[in-house]
Amino acid sequence: MRLAREWCGLALLMWTACGVTSAGGGGGGSTVPRENTATTLTLSGTRFFVGYDNGTLAALPDGGVVLAALLADDKGYNADVAIVRLDASLSLTWAMRLDERTLPTHLVPGKDGALFVIAGDSYPGTLRVMRLDLGTGAVQQAVEFSNMAPGKALALDDGGLLVSGNNLLRLDARLQPVWARQIPSTHAVAVADGFIVAGVGYGDRARMTGVTLTKVSAEGAVAWQSFASPGPGNHSLTGVRTLADGSLMVGMGNDSTRGDSVAALSPFLITTFDAQGRLRKMSRARLSQEVPTSTGATRAPLQFGGGYSLVPMGQDTWMTFTANSGAFGSDVRAHVLARFAPDGSLQEALYGGLQATSGPEGSTLSFSLSGPTLTLRQIFSGGTGCVRTPTEAEFQPVEGKQEYAEGGAVQVTPITVTPKSITRVATALSANLESGCAVP
């Protein structure tokens, strides 16, 4: 499958200037704010595929990080996946080229030194799971599954995976299906008696999409399901997490210009639910930035976008999303990294890259692509330098939203998922890293 090239636009050149102090909370009192840093990564003899949604990364148990992004051939189309491991000091451990030619959607460190790479085709619906040796980057196993889509995975204690790829699939340690259910599923988190699964589902007799939350046991039985939506739109989720009191938090991208949506033109919504899935609060983003003009500058709204990553950092939560910053009908996307308190209130918003994970020393790592270069940023709460902030950033309560909750009467359909062993090979890549605030 070939992917069309998606260029971020010249406006991106203005968003990562160095030395600009970030706004927001996190550095209160007499504590000196930590300095944000940036590391640029380039590969010898190849380049990254340029798409605003390209790539993923994951934190490692030793404090390091592993990242993956699709590569481009000499015509700019997709050609294999680069996987790079860095240690806790963000120095290179290894870099490999994997002969998988679709966007990697998730990296999952597993048991016994395994690293799972998730990829596949959205149409007609094919999921591929590749197990690599985390120590060397060598491929140990690769399996393709039907009736699934590329998505996210959760590593399980038994060495298997719970895969959210539109449907929900549990795999054992041999990457064989244990069960599969037709449950809206893009993200999952483990709880004491099973899993909380979040997906983009339909409510109100299939008239609109929104957040569907489902409580699922380890055996695939459903305890309850709930739904919340601001109205019609093209929605996408950053993830789901549990908070200290058992409540749940979900971020939702909102790519909608429809007048019958109470969140029209708002790029992102933050939602909180109680432990039984009942909606507590939904808030919509209101963002803008200063844009240079021939006579000075003007304020432009950041509107209608998509959700990408969720990173728990203690009780606070970082989330990443896109927001359209061009004229109506354009596709010039800002990459926003925002931090929220447990009640869903906004603490700070930065231009920090779409893909994010937890980093060393209480930081958050995020990256973005510009031409052949990947820029990995280490960002601290209330940190200074390397990133800019939107001119205006706030979240307002959403009124008139749609919601419902159902108990144990929820019926879900088992599905058949057919596994097929495939061959994938990883070969060494040469990579170069340079530290410091990177100017695009």
Protein backbone atom coordinates (compact mmCIF):
# COMPACT_ATOMS: atom_id res chain seq x y z
CA MET A 1 0.00 0.00 0.00
CA ARG A 2 1.29 3.43 -0.87
CA LEU A 3 0.64 6.37 1.35
CA ALA A 4 0.15 9.80 -0.12
CA ARG A 5 2.59 12.39 1.09
CA GLU A 6 1.23 14.71 3.75
CA TRP A 7 3.21 17.89 4.20
CA CYS A 8 2.85 19.90 7.36
CA GLY A 9 3.24 23.28 5.66
CA LEU A 10 5.47 26.26 6.09
CA ALA A 11 3.66 27.28 9.25
CA LEU A 12 5.45 24.48 11.12
CA LEU A 13 8.69 26.40 10.72
CA MET A 14 7.49 28.95 13.24
CA TRP A 15 6.51 26.57 16.02
CA THR A 16 9.75 25.14 17.40
CA ALA A 17 11.94 28.22 17.84
CA CYS A 18 14.35 27.94 20.75
CA GLY A 19 14.72 29.96 23.88
CA VAL A 20 11.05 30.84 24.29
CA THR A 21 9.79 30.34 27.84
CA SER A 22 6.80 28.01 28.11
CA ALA A 23 3.66 29.03 29.96
CA GLY A 24 1.53 27.14 32.42
CA GLY A 25 1.79 25.51 35.84
CA GLY A 26 4.12 22.93 37.26
CA GLY A 27 7.06 25.16 38.24
CA GLY A 28 5.50 27.00 41.18
CA GLY A 29 7.15 28.23 44.37
CA SER A 30 10.88 28.88 44.48
CA THR A 31 11.75 25.79 42.42
CA VAL A 32 13.76 26.68 39.33
CA PRO A 33 11.95 25.29 36.25
CA ARG A 34 13.79 22.53 34.43
CA GLU A 35 15.18 23.31 30.98
CA ASN A 36 13.54 21.51 28.08
CA THR A 37 15.96 19.99 25.58
CA ALA A 38 15.86 18.67 22.01
CA THR A 39 17.77 15.91 20.23
CA THR A 40 17.80 15.64 16.43
CA LEU A 41 18.11 12.20 14.83
CA THR A 42 19.12 11.62 11.22
CA LEU A 43 19.66 8.33 9.40
CA SER A 44 22.43 7.62 6.91
CA GLY A 45 21.36 6.69 3.39
CA THR A 46 17.62 7.13 3.94
CA ARG A 47 15.02 9.58 5.19
CA PHE A 48 11.73 9.61 7.06
CA PHE A 49 8.35 9.56 5.36
CA VAL A 50 6.88 13.04 5.90
CA GLY A 51 3.42 12.77 7.42
CA TYR A 52 2.17 14.61 10.49
CA ASP A 53 0.93 11.31 11.98
CA ASN A 54 4.07 9.26 11.25
CA GLY A 55 5.71 7.39 14.09
CA THR A 56 5.34 6.19 17.65
CA LEU A 57 7.55 5.82 20.72
CA ALA A 58 7.55 4.04 24.07
CA ALA A 59 9.34 4.29 27.39
CA LEU A 60 11.57 1.37 28.45
CA PRO A 61 11.95 -0.09 31.96
CA ASP A 62 15.59 1.09 32.15
CA GLY A 63 14.63 4.74 31.57
CA GLY A 64 15.44 4.66 27.86
CA VAL A 65 13.11 5.02 24.91
CA VAL A 66 12.42 3.22 21.65
CA LEU A 67 10.85 4.93 18.65
CA ALA A 68 9.67 3.86 15.21
CA ALA A 69 8.77 5.79 12.07
CA LEU A 70 8.02 4.95 8.46
CA LEU A 71 10.81 5.60 5.96
CA ALA A 72 10.48 7.03 2.44
CA ASP A 73 11.91 5.88 -0.86
CA ASP A 74 13.59 8.25 -3.34
CA LYS A 75 10.15 9.40 -4.57
CA GLY A 76 8.89 10.17 -1.07
CA TYR A 77 6.61 7.16 -0.72
CA ASN A 78 6.62 4.65 2.14
CA ALA A 79 9.51 2.18 2.31
CA ASP A 80 10.17 0.12 5.47
CA VAL A 81 10.18 1.16 9.14
CA ALA A 82 13.09 2.53 11.17
CA ILE A 83 13.24 1.40 14.81
CA VAL A 84 15.71 3.19 17.11
CA ARG A 85 16.55 2.45 20.73
CA LEU A 86 18.06 5.15 22.99
CA ASP A 87 19.30 4.77 26.56
CA ALA A 88 18.30 6.95 29.54
CA SER A 89 20.82 9.63 28.52
CA LEU A 90 19.26 9.64 25.02
CA SER A 91 22.38 8.10 23.46
CA LEU A 92 22.02 5.59 20.63
CA THR A 93 21.84 1.88 21.59
CA TRP A 94 20.86 0.47 18.18
CA ALA A 95 18.99 1.37 14.99
CA MET A 96 17.31 -1.15 12.69
CA ARG A 97 15.43 -1.15 9.40
CA LEU A 98 12.39 -3.45 9.38
CA ASP A 99 10.85 -4.56 6.08
CA GLU A 100 7.33 -3.48 7.06
CA ARG A 101 5.86 -0.81 4.78
CA THR A 102 2.94 0.55 6.77
CA LEU A 103 2.78 3.14 9.53
CA PRO A 104 3.84 1.72 12.90
CA THR A 105 1.05 2.47 15.35
CA HIS A 106 2.49 1.23 18.64
CA LEU A 107 5.64 -0.08 20.32
CA VAL A 108 5.11 -2.25 23.40
CA PRO A 109 7.91 -3.50 25.69
CA GLY A 110 6.91 -6.97 26.92
CA LYS A 111 8.17 -9.75 29.16
CA ASP A 112 11.51 -11.52 28.80
CA GLY A 113 13.17 -8.78 26.76
CA ALA A 114 10.52 -8.60 24.04
CA LEU A 115 9.58 -5.52 22.02
CA PHE A 116 6.31 -5.74 20.08
CA VAL A 117 5.83 -3.62 16.96
CA ILE A 118 2.21 -3.04 15.89
CA ALA A 119 1.39 -2.11 12.27
CA GLY A 120 -0.95 -3.14 9.44
CA ASP A 121 -3.51 -1.96 6.90
CA SER A 122 -6.67 -0.07 7.84
CA TYR A 123 -8.30 -1.37 4.66
CA PRO A 124 -9.33 -4.15 4.24
CA GLY A 125 -8.43 -4.56 7.93
CA THR A 126 -5.15 -6.35 8.67
CA LEU A 127 -3.12 -6.26 11.87
CA ARG A 128 0.53 -7.28 12.09
CA VAL A 129 2.36 -7.98 15.36
CA MET A 130 6.13 -8.36 15.24
CA ARG A 131 8.14 -9.49 18.26
CA LEU A 132 11.71 -8.14 18.35
CA ASP A 133 14.58 -8.78 20.75
CA LEU A 134 14.81 -5.54 22.74
CA GLY A 135 18.52 -6.10 23.32
CA THR A 136 19.50 -6.37 19.65
CA GLY A 137 16.50 -5.33 17.50
CA ALA A 138 16.42 -8.72 15.74
CA VAL A 139 13.01 -10.09 14.67
CA GLN A 140 11.91 -13.16 16.65
CA GLN A 141 8.36 -13.66 15.33
CA ALA A 142 5.83 -11.95 13.04
CA VAL A 143 2.10 -12.74 12.77
CA GLU A 144 -0.67 -11.22 10.65
CA PHE A 145 -4.33 -11.19 11.76
CA SER A 146 -7.51 -10.74 9.77
CA ASN A 147 -10.62 -8.82 10.95
CA MET A 148 -8.48 -6.33 12.86
CA ALA A 149 -6.96 -2.91 12.14
CA PRO A 150 -3.60 -1.48 13.20
CA GLY A 151 -3.91 0.04 16.66
CA LYS A 152 -2.52 -0.12 20.20
CA ALA A 153 -1.60 -3.01 22.48
CA LEU A 154 -1.30 -3.62 26.20
CA ALA A 155 1.37 -6.03 27.48
CA LEU A 156 -0.04 -8.70 29.82
CA ASP A 157 1.55 -10.53 32.75
CA ASP A 158 1.35 -13.88 30.94
CA GLY A 159 3.56 -12.58 28.10
CA GLY A 160 0.64 -12.01 25.75
CA LEU A 161 -1.09 -8.86 24.50
CA LEU A 162 -4.49 -7.22 24.58
CA VAL A 163 -4.75 -5.54 21.15
CA SER A 164 -7.12 -2.66 20.41
CA GLY A 165 -7.56 -2.55 16.64
CA ASN A 166 -11.17 -1.35 16.21
CA ASN A 167 -12.12 -4.80 17.57
CA LEU A 168 -10.61 -6.19 20.78
CA LEU A 169 -8.23 -9.18 20.62
CA ARG A 170 -6.44 -11.08 23.37
CA LEU A 171 -3.27 -12.96 22.37
CA ASP A 172 -1.28 -15.47 24.40
CA ALA A 173 2.51 -15.52 24.72
CA ARG A 174 2.78 -17.40 21.39
CA LEU A 175 0.77 -14.62 19.67
CA GLN A 176 -2.20 -16.94 19.18
CA PRO A 177 -5.77 -15.69 19.70
CA VAL A 178 -7.39 -16.43 23.06
CA TRP A 179 -10.61 -14.51 22.28
CA ALA A 180 -11.80 -11.62 20.12
CA ARG A 181 -14.82 -9.35 20.56
CA GLN A 182 -16.58 -6.75 18.43
CA ILE A 183 -16.05 -3.91 20.90
CA PRO A 184 -15.10 -0.34 19.87
CA SER A 185 -11.47 -0.35 20.86
CA THR A 186 -8.46 1.88 20.21
CA HIS A 187 -6.91 1.91 23.72
CA ALA A 188 -7.06 -0.21 26.89
CA VAL A 189 -5.82 -0.03 30.46
CA ALA A 190 -5.64 -2.82 33.06
CA VAL A 191 -7.72 -2.56 36.26
CA ALA A 192 -7.99 -4.91 39.24
CA ASP A 193 -10.67 -7.15 37.72
CA GLY A 194 -10.08 -6.83 34.00
CA PHE A 195 -9.68 -3.99 31.53
CA ILE A 196 -11.21 -0.63 30.67
CA VAL A 197 -11.38 -0.31 26.89
CA ALA A 198 -11.87 2.99 25.06
CA GLY A 199 -12.87 3.27 21.43
CA VAL A 200 -14.69 5.45 18.94
CA GLY A 201 -18.19 4.03 18.77
CA TYR A 202 -21.63 5.05 17.59
CA GLY A 203 -24.47 6.16 19.83
CA ASP A 204 -27.95 7.58 19.46
CA ARG A 205 -28.97 4.94 16.90
CA ALA A 206 -25.70 5.30 14.97
CA ARG A 207 -26.20 9.00 14.25
CA MET A 208 -22.95 10.19 15.83
CA THR A 209 -19.59 8.97 17.07
CA GLY A 210 -18.02 9.59 20.45
CA VAL A 211 -16.13 7.91 23.30
CA THR A 212 -17.31 4.37 24.04
CA LEU A 213 -15.99 2.93 27.32
CA THR A 214 -16.33 -0.79 28.04
CA LYS A 215 -15.44 -2.76 31.18
CA VAL A 216 -14.18 -6.19 30.07
CA SER A 217 -13.05 -9.16 32.16
CA ALA A 218 -9.88 -11.15 31.47
CA GLU A 219 -12.11 -13.75 29.80
CA GLY A 220 -13.79 -11.21 27.49
CA ALA A 221 -17.10 -10.79 29.38
CA VAL A 222 -18.57 -7.27 29.45
CA ALA A 223 -19.61 -5.71 32.79
CA TRP A 224 -20.79 -2.34 31.47
CA GLN A 225 -20.53 0.05 28.54
CA SER A 226 -21.01 3.80 28.28
CA PHE A 227 -20.95 6.47 25.57
CA ALA A 228 -20.38 10.22 25.48
CA SER A 229 -20.26 12.59 22.49
CA PRO A 230 -20.38 16.33 21.75
CA GLY A 231 -22.35 15.56 18.60
CA PRO A 232 -21.55 14.56 15.00
CA GLY A 233 -17.91 14.69 13.89
CA ASN A 234 -14.83 12.68 13.03
CA HIS A 235 -13.46 11.67 16.44
CA SER A 236 -10.19 10.04 17.54
CA LEU A 237 -8.87 9.15 20.99
CA THR A 238 -5.53 9.84 22.68
CA GLY A 239 -5.98 7.07 25.25
CA VAL A 240 -7.57 6.19 28.58
CA ARG A 241 -6.16 6.15 32.11
CA THR A 242 -7.37 5.51 35.66
CA LEU A 243 -6.91 8.09 38.41
CA ALA A 244 -6.31 7.60 42.15
CA ASP A 245 -10.04 7.51 43.03
CA GLY A 246 -10.81 4.97 40.29
CA SER A 247 -12.22 7.54 37.90
CA LEU A 248 -11.27 7.53 34.23
CA MET A 249 -9.87 10.15 31.86
CA VAL A 250 -10.07 10.12 28.05
CA GLY A 251 -8.91 12.66 25.47
CA MET A 252 -10.80 12.96 22.18
CA GLY A 253 -9.77 14.67 18.95
CA ASN A 254 -12.64 16.47 17.22
CA ASP A 255 -12.34 16.99 13.47
CA SER A 256 -15.72 18.64 12.94
CA THR A 257 -17.06 21.80 11.35
CA ARG A 258 -20.70 20.72 11.66
CA GLY A 259 -23.07 23.24 13.14
CA ASP A 260 -25.10 20.53 14.92
CA SER A 261 -22.08 19.64 17.08
CA VAL A 262 -21.77 21.56 20.35
CA ALA A 263 -17.98 21.32 19.94
CA ALA A 264 -17.79 22.38 16.26
CA LEU A 265 -14.35 23.76 15.27
CA SER A 266 -12.83 22.75 18.62
CA PRO A 267 -9.83 20.45 17.98
CA PHE A 268 -9.84 18.50 21.24
CA LEU A 269 -12.02 17.52 24.18
CA ILE A 270 -11.06 16.22 27.61
CA THR A 271 -13.53 13.88 29.33
CA THR A 272 -13.64 12.39 32.81
CA PHE A 273 -15.85 9.48 33.94
CA ASP A 274 -16.48 7.81 37.30
CA ALA A 275 -15.36 4.23 37.97
CA GLN A 276 -18.63 2.86 36.51
CA GLY A 277 -18.28 4.82 33.28
CA ARG A 278 -20.75 7.62 34.04
CA LEU A 279 -19.66 10.91 32.52
CA ARG A 280 -18.53 13.52 35.02
CA LYS A 281 -17.27 16.32 32.81
CA MET A 282 -16.52 17.16 29.18
CA SER A 283 -14.55 20.25 28.19
CA ARG A 284 -13.59 21.61 24.77
CA ALA A 285 -10.37 23.33 23.73
CA ARG A 286 -10.17 26.93 22.67
CA LEU A 287 -6.74 27.67 21.18
CA SER A 288 -5.21 30.36 19.00
CA GLN A 289 -1.79 31.58 17.85
CA GLU A 290 -0.18 34.72 16.46
CA VAL A 291 0.44 34.48 12.70
CA PRO A 292 2.72 36.98 10.86
CA THR A 293 1.09 39.13 8.19
CA SER A 294 2.37 41.75 5.76
CA THR A 295 1.30 44.46 8.21
CA GLY A 296 2.32 42.77 11.47
CA ALA A 297 0.48 39.82 12.98
CA THR A 298 -3.01 38.47 13.49
CA ARG A 299 -4.52 35.93 15.88
CA ALA A 300 -5.65 32.72 14.14
CA PRO A 301 -7.74 30.01 15.83
CA LEU A 302 -6.46 26.43 16.11
CA GLN A 303 -9.47 24.30 15.30
CA PHE A 304 -10.78 20.86 14.23
CA GLY A 305 -8.11 18.20 14.77
CA GLY A 306 -7.27 14.70 16.03
CA GLY A 307 -6.04 12.93 19.17
CA TYR A 308 -2.79 10.91 19.36
CA SER A 309 -1.06 10.17 22.68
CA LEU A 310 -1.83 10.02 26.42
CA VAL A 311 1.01 9.96 28.99
CA PRO A 312 0.27 9.54 32.73
CA MET A 313 2.72 11.58 34.84
CA GLY A 314 1.69 11.00 38.46
CA GLN A 315 -1.80 12.45 38.84
CA ASP A 316 -1.26 14.82 35.92
CA THR A 317 -1.72 13.69 32.32
CA TRP A 318 -0.01 14.84 29.12
CA MET A 319 -1.98 14.47 25.88
CA THR A 320 -1.06 15.25 22.28
CA PHE A 321 -3.33 16.31 19.45
CA THR A 322 -3.37 18.12 16.14
CA ALA A 323 -5.17 21.36 15.43
CA ASN A 324 -5.77 22.95 12.03
CA SER A 325 -4.10 26.36 11.94
CA GLY A 326 -4.68 27.38 8.32
CA ALA A 327 -7.59 28.85 6.44
CA PHE A 328 -10.85 26.91 6.25
CA GLY A 329 -10.37 23.85 4.03
CA SER A 330 -6.58 23.73 4.50
CA ASP A 331 -4.60 20.95 6.17
CA VAL A 332 -1.84 22.86 7.97
CA ARG A 333 -1.57 21.14 11.35
CA ALA A 334 -0.16 22.34 14.66
CA HIS A 335 1.16 19.67 17.03
CA VAL A 336 -0.06 20.41 20.56
CA LEU A 337 1.18 18.78 23.78
CA ALA A 338 -1.04 19.70 26.75
CA ARG A 339 -0.95 18.84 30.45
CA PHE A 340 -4.11 18.28 32.51
CA ALA A 341 -4.84 17.99 36.24
CA PRO A 342 -6.90 15.02 37.55
CA ASP A 343 -10.14 17.03 37.24
CA GLY A 344 -9.42 17.66 33.55
CA SER A 345 -8.38 21.29 33.93
CA LEU A 346 -5.65 22.55 31.56
CA GLN A 347 -2.26 23.24 33.17
CA GLU A 348 -0.19 24.17 30.10
CA ALA A 349 -0.14 23.75 26.33
CA LEU A 350 2.95 23.60 24.10
CA TYR A 351 3.91 22.94 20.49
CA GLY A 352 5.69 19.73 21.34
CA GLY A 353 5.15 16.94 18.81
CA LEU A 354 2.38 14.38 18.31
CA GLN A 355 3.88 11.16 19.64
CA ALA A 356 4.69 11.16 23.35
CA THR A 357 5.71 8.89 26.22
CA SER A 358 7.16 9.20 29.73
CA GLY A 359 10.86 10.09 29.91
CA PRO A 360 13.66 10.04 32.49
CA GLU A 361 13.69 12.37 35.52
CA GLY A 362 9.94 12.97 35.43
CA SER A 363 9.97 14.36 31.90
CA THR A 364 7.76 13.71 28.91
CA LEU A 365 9.36 12.77 25.57
CA SER A 366 7.71 13.72 22.28
CA PHE A 367 8.87 13.87 18.69
CA SER A 368 7.98 15.37 15.34
CA LEU A 369 9.35 15.00 11.81
CA SER A 370 10.60 17.75 9.53
CA GLY A 371 12.07 16.57 6.23
CA PRO A 372 14.76 13.94 6.87
CA THR A 373 15.15 14.86 10.55
CA LEU A 374 13.34 13.58 13.63
CA THR A 375 13.33 15.96 16.60
CA LEU A 376 12.93 14.33 20.02
CA ARG A 377 12.06 16.78 22.81
CA GLN A 378 12.43 16.20 26.54
CA ILE A 379 9.83 18.40 28.23
CA PHE A 380 9.36 19.06 31.93
CA SER A 381 6.22 20.34 33.64
CA GLY A 382 6.52 24.12 33.56
CA GLY A 383 9.92 23.77 31.86
CA THR A 384 11.70 26.50 29.91
CA GLY A 385 13.21 26.73 26.45
CA CYS A 386 12.98 24.86 23.12
CA VAL A 387 9.22 25.00 22.66
CA ARG A 388 6.60 27.69 22.24
CA THR A 389 3.02 27.96 23.45
CA PRO A 390 -0.21 28.92 21.71
CA THR A 391 -1.16 32.56 22.18
CA GLU A 392 -4.35 31.47 23.91
CA ALA A 393 -5.14 28.09 25.48
CA GLU A 394 -8.14 27.22 27.62
CA PHE A 395 -10.83 24.57 28.02
CA GLN A 396 -14.53 25.33 28.47
CA PRO A 397 -17.35 23.03 29.65
CA VAL A 398 -19.42 21.38 26.91
CA GLU A 399 -23.17 21.72 27.27
CA GLY A 400 -25.80 19.73 25.37
CA LYS A 401 -23.64 16.61 24.96
CA GLN A 402 -25.05 13.12 24.34
CA GLU A 403 -24.45 10.31 26.82
CA TYR A 404 -25.75 7.00 28.11
CA ALA A 405 -24.60 4.06 30.22
CA GLU A 406 -25.61 0.38 30.18
CA GLY A 407 -24.98 -2.35 32.71
CA GLY A 408 -24.44 -6.09 32.39
CA ALA A 409 -27.14 -6.46 29.73
CA VAL A 410 -24.65 -5.32 27.08
CA GLN A 411 -24.28 -7.93 24.36
CA VAL A 412 -21.12 -8.10 22.27
CA THR A 413 -20.39 -10.30 19.27
CA PRO A 414 -17.45 -12.75 19.25
CA ILE A 415 -15.44 -12.53 16.03
CA THR A 416 -13.11 -14.93 14.27
CA VAL A 417 -9.52 -13.72 13.93
CA THR A 418 -7.29 -15.80 11.68
CA PRO A 419 -3.52 -15.69 12.40
CA LYS A 420 -0.90 -16.21 9.70
CA SER A 421 2.85 -16.42 10.24
CA ILE A 422 4.80 -14.00 8.05
CA THR A 423 8.47 -13.22 7.53
CA ARG A 424 10.04 -9.94 8.59
CA VAL A 425 13.76 -9.12 8.75
CA ALA A 426 15.57 -6.29 10.53
CA THR A 427 18.90 -4.95 9.23
CA ALA A 428 21.23 -2.44 10.87
CA LEU A 429 20.91 1.28 10.19
CA SER A 430 23.43 4.02 10.85
CA ALA A 431 22.05 6.94 12.85
CA ASN A 432 23.39 10.25 14.12
CA LEU A 433 22.14 12.24 17.12
CA GLU A 434 22.86 15.84 18.04
CA SER A 435 21.72 17.52 21.24
CA GLY A 436 20.51 21.06 21.75
CA CYS A 437 17.55 23.15 20.73
CA ALA A 438 16.92 22.29 17.08
CA VAL A 439 15.91 25.02 14.67
CA PRO A 440 13.91 23.53 11.72
